[in-house]
Amino acid sequence: MLGESAGPETIEKWRRCISEALGVTTFSLIEVAVTKMGWSHFGVATIRPDASSSVDGFDEIKDRINHTVQSIHSPSRMEIYFTGNYPYA
């Protein structure tokens, strides 16, 4: 994959949209990274579940975030990682 980091405005836009998609759920956004590759964007979000959740709950959050990201940047792809720890701890 060849690309460059998306601009700070784009990353902040994705962060806001993902945070809004999480809304009042039991999930917290830890980090977002976005890479721009030509016309498309590739993002990675690290999300912490603040309470136990079913597999359906995780799938619902992933679908909600992917739908939100597609509405602001298309084409785009989003990978979501659920973790209880900060990625660089």
C-alpha atoms as a PDB file:
ATOM      1  CA  MET A   1       0.000   0.000   0.000  1.00  0.00           C
ATOM      2  CA  LEU A   2       1.447   3.316  -1.039  1.00  0.00           C
ATOM      3  CA  GLY A   3       0.118   6.576   0.276  1.00  0.00           C
ATOM      4  CA  GLU A   4       0.669   9.434   2.642  1.00  0.00           C
ATOM      5  CA  SER A   5      -0.878  10.572   5.862  1.00  0.00           C
ATOM      6  CA  ALA A   6      -4.122  12.428   5.337  1.00  0.00           C
ATOM      7  CA  GLY A   7      -4.118  16.084   6.323  1.00  0.00           C
ATOM      8  CA  PRO A   8      -4.931  17.123   9.889  1.00  0.00           C
ATOM      9  CA  GLU A   9      -8.365  18.458   8.814  1.00  0.00           C
ATOM     10  CA  THR A  10      -9.288  15.090   7.294  1.00  0.00           C
ATOM     11  CA  ILE A  11      -8.109  13.145  10.328  1.00  0.00           C
ATOM     12  CA  GLU A  12     -10.068  15.441  12.653  1.00  0.00           C
ATOM     13  CA  LYS A  13     -13.163  15.075  10.450  1.00  0.00           C
ATOM     14  CA  TRP A  14     -12.917  11.284  10.674  1.00  0.00           C
ATOM     15  CA  ARG A  15     -12.341  11.488  14.453  1.00  0.00           C
ATOM     16  CA  ARG A  16     -15.474  13.627  14.903  1.00  0.00           C
ATOM     17  CA  CYS A  17     -17.610  11.344  12.729  1.00  0.00           C
ATOM     18  CA  ILE A  18     -16.432   8.193  14.489  1.00  0.00           C
ATOM     19  CA  SER A  19     -17.005   9.777  17.903  1.00  0.00           C
ATOM     20  CA  GLU A  20     -20.513  10.779  16.839  1.00  0.00           C
ATOM     21  CA  ALA A  21     -21.167   7.258  15.525  1.00  0.00           C
ATOM     22  CA  LEU A  22     -20.167   5.861  18.913  1.00  0.00           C
ATOM     23  CA  GLY A  23     -22.589   8.318  20.530  1.00  0.00           C
ATOM     24  CA  VAL A  24     -23.825   7.111  23.896  1.00  0.00           C
ATOM     25  CA  THR A  25     -22.630   3.534  23.389  1.00  0.00           C
ATOM     26  CA  THR A  26     -20.327   1.715  25.793  1.00  0.00           C
ATOM     27  CA  PHE A  27     -17.368   2.179  23.428  1.00  0.00           C
ATOM     28  CA  SER A  28     -14.672   4.881  23.506  1.00  0.00           C
ATOM     29  CA  LEU A  29     -12.476   6.046  20.658  1.00  0.00           C
ATOM     30  CA  ILE A  30      -8.782   5.773  21.524  1.00  0.00           C
ATOM     31  CA  GLU A  31      -7.070   6.680  18.265  1.00  0.00           C
ATOM     32  CA  VAL A  32      -7.649   7.291  14.544  1.00  0.00           C
ATOM     33  CA  ALA A  33      -5.111   7.154  11.728  1.00  0.00           C
ATOM     34  CA  VAL A  34      -5.987   8.000   8.117  1.00  0.00           C
ATOM     35  CA  THR A  35      -3.897   7.466   4.989  1.00  0.00           C
ATOM     36  CA  LYS A  36      -4.688   9.053   1.619  1.00  0.00           C
ATOM     37  CA  MET A  37      -4.015   6.921  -1.444  1.00  0.00           C
ATOM     38  CA  GLY A  38      -4.925   8.760  -4.621  1.00  0.00           C
ATOM     39  CA  TRP A  39      -8.659   9.445  -4.482  1.00  0.00           C
ATOM     40  CA  SER A  40      -9.333   7.020  -1.651  1.00  0.00           C
ATOM     41  CA  HIS A  41      -8.688   7.007   2.079  1.00  0.00           C
ATOM     42  CA  PHE A  42      -7.803   4.152   4.424  1.00  0.00           C
ATOM     43  CA  GLY A  43      -8.448   4.570   8.126  1.00  0.00           C
ATOM     44  CA  VAL A  44      -7.734   2.616  11.270  1.00  0.00           C
ATOM     45  CA  ALA A  45      -9.649   3.228  14.479  1.00  0.00           C
ATOM     46  CA  THR A  46      -8.719   1.795  17.851  1.00  0.00           C
ATOM     47  CA  ILE A  47     -11.761   1.490  20.088  1.00  0.00           C
ATOM     48  CA  ARG A  48     -12.055   0.439  23.717  1.00  0.00           C
ATOM     49  CA  PRO A  49     -15.193  -1.319  24.931  1.00  0.00           C
ATOM     50  CA  ASP A  50     -16.055   0.213  28.325  1.00  0.00           C
ATOM     51  CA  ALA A  51     -18.354  -2.693  29.176  1.00  0.00           C
ATOM     52  CA  SER A  52     -18.796  -6.247  28.010  1.00  0.00           C
ATOM     53  CA  SER A  53     -20.632  -6.567  24.716  1.00  0.00           C
ATOM     54  CA  SER A  54     -22.018  -9.301  22.522  1.00  0.00           C
ATOM     55  CA  VAL A  55     -20.602 -10.100  19.095  1.00  0.00           C
ATOM     56  CA  ASP A  56     -23.688  -8.434  17.640  1.00  0.00           C
ATOM     57  CA  GLY A  57     -22.820  -5.274  19.584  1.00  0.00           C
ATOM     58  CA  PHE A  58     -19.324  -5.204  18.076  1.00  0.00           C
ATOM     59  CA  ASP A  59     -20.735  -5.805  14.583  1.00  0.00           C
ATOM     60  CA  GLU A  60     -23.305  -3.039  15.031  1.00  0.00           C
ATOM     61  CA  ILE A  61     -20.595  -0.546  16.015  1.00  0.00           C
ATOM     62  CA  LYS A  62     -18.396  -1.579  13.068  1.00  0.00           C
ATOM     63  CA  ASP A  63     -21.309  -1.187  10.647  1.00  0.00           C
ATOM     64  CA  ARG A  64     -22.286   2.185  12.112  1.00  0.00           C
ATOM     65  CA  ILE A  65     -18.727   3.530  11.867  1.00  0.00           C
ATOM     66  CA  ASN A  66     -18.203   2.208   8.328  1.00  0.00           C
ATOM     67  CA  HIS A  67     -21.487   3.771   7.185  1.00  0.00           C
ATOM     68  CA  THR A  68     -20.555   7.107   8.772  1.00  0.00           C
ATOM     69  CA  VAL A  69     -17.080   7.130   7.205  1.00  0.00           C
ATOM     70  CA  GLN A  70     -18.488   6.256   3.765  1.00  0.00           C
ATOM     71  CA  SER A  71     -20.826   9.236   4.046  1.00  0.00           C
ATOM     72  CA  ILE A  72     -17.910  11.689   4.442  1.00  0.00           C
ATOM     73  CA  HIS A  73     -15.294  10.088   2.154  1.00  0.00           C
ATOM     74  CA  SER A  74     -15.983   7.736  -0.677  1.00  0.00           C
ATOM     75  CA  PRO A  75     -14.166   5.676  -1.703  1.00  0.00           C
ATOM     76  CA  SER A  76     -12.745   4.759   1.671  1.00  0.00           C
ATOM     77  CA  ARG A  77     -11.977   1.704   3.748  1.00  0.00           C
ATOM     78  CA  MET A  78     -11.978   1.452   7.519  1.00  0.00           C
ATOM     79  CA  GLU A  79     -10.430  -1.112   9.826  1.00  0.00           C
ATOM     80  CA  ILE A  80     -11.565  -1.139  13.427  1.00  0.00           C
ATOM     81  CA  TYR A  81      -9.603  -2.685  16.269  1.00  0.00           C
ATOM     82  CA  PHE A  82     -11.205  -3.321  19.634  1.00  0.00           C
ATOM     83  CA  THR A  83      -8.819  -3.404  22.571  1.00  0.00           C
ATOM     84  CA  GLY A  84      -8.821  -2.919  26.296  1.00  0.00           C
ATOM     85  CA  ASN A  85      -5.343  -1.378  26.203  1.00  0.00           C
ATOM     86  CA  TYR A  86      -3.907   1.672  24.538  1.00  0.00           C
ATOM     87  CA  PRO A  87      -1.944   0.600  21.445  1.00  0.00           C
ATOM     88  CA  TYR A  88       1.368   2.038  22.616  1.00  0.00           C
ATOM     89  CA  ALA A  89       1.109   1.203  26.336  1.00  0.00           C
END
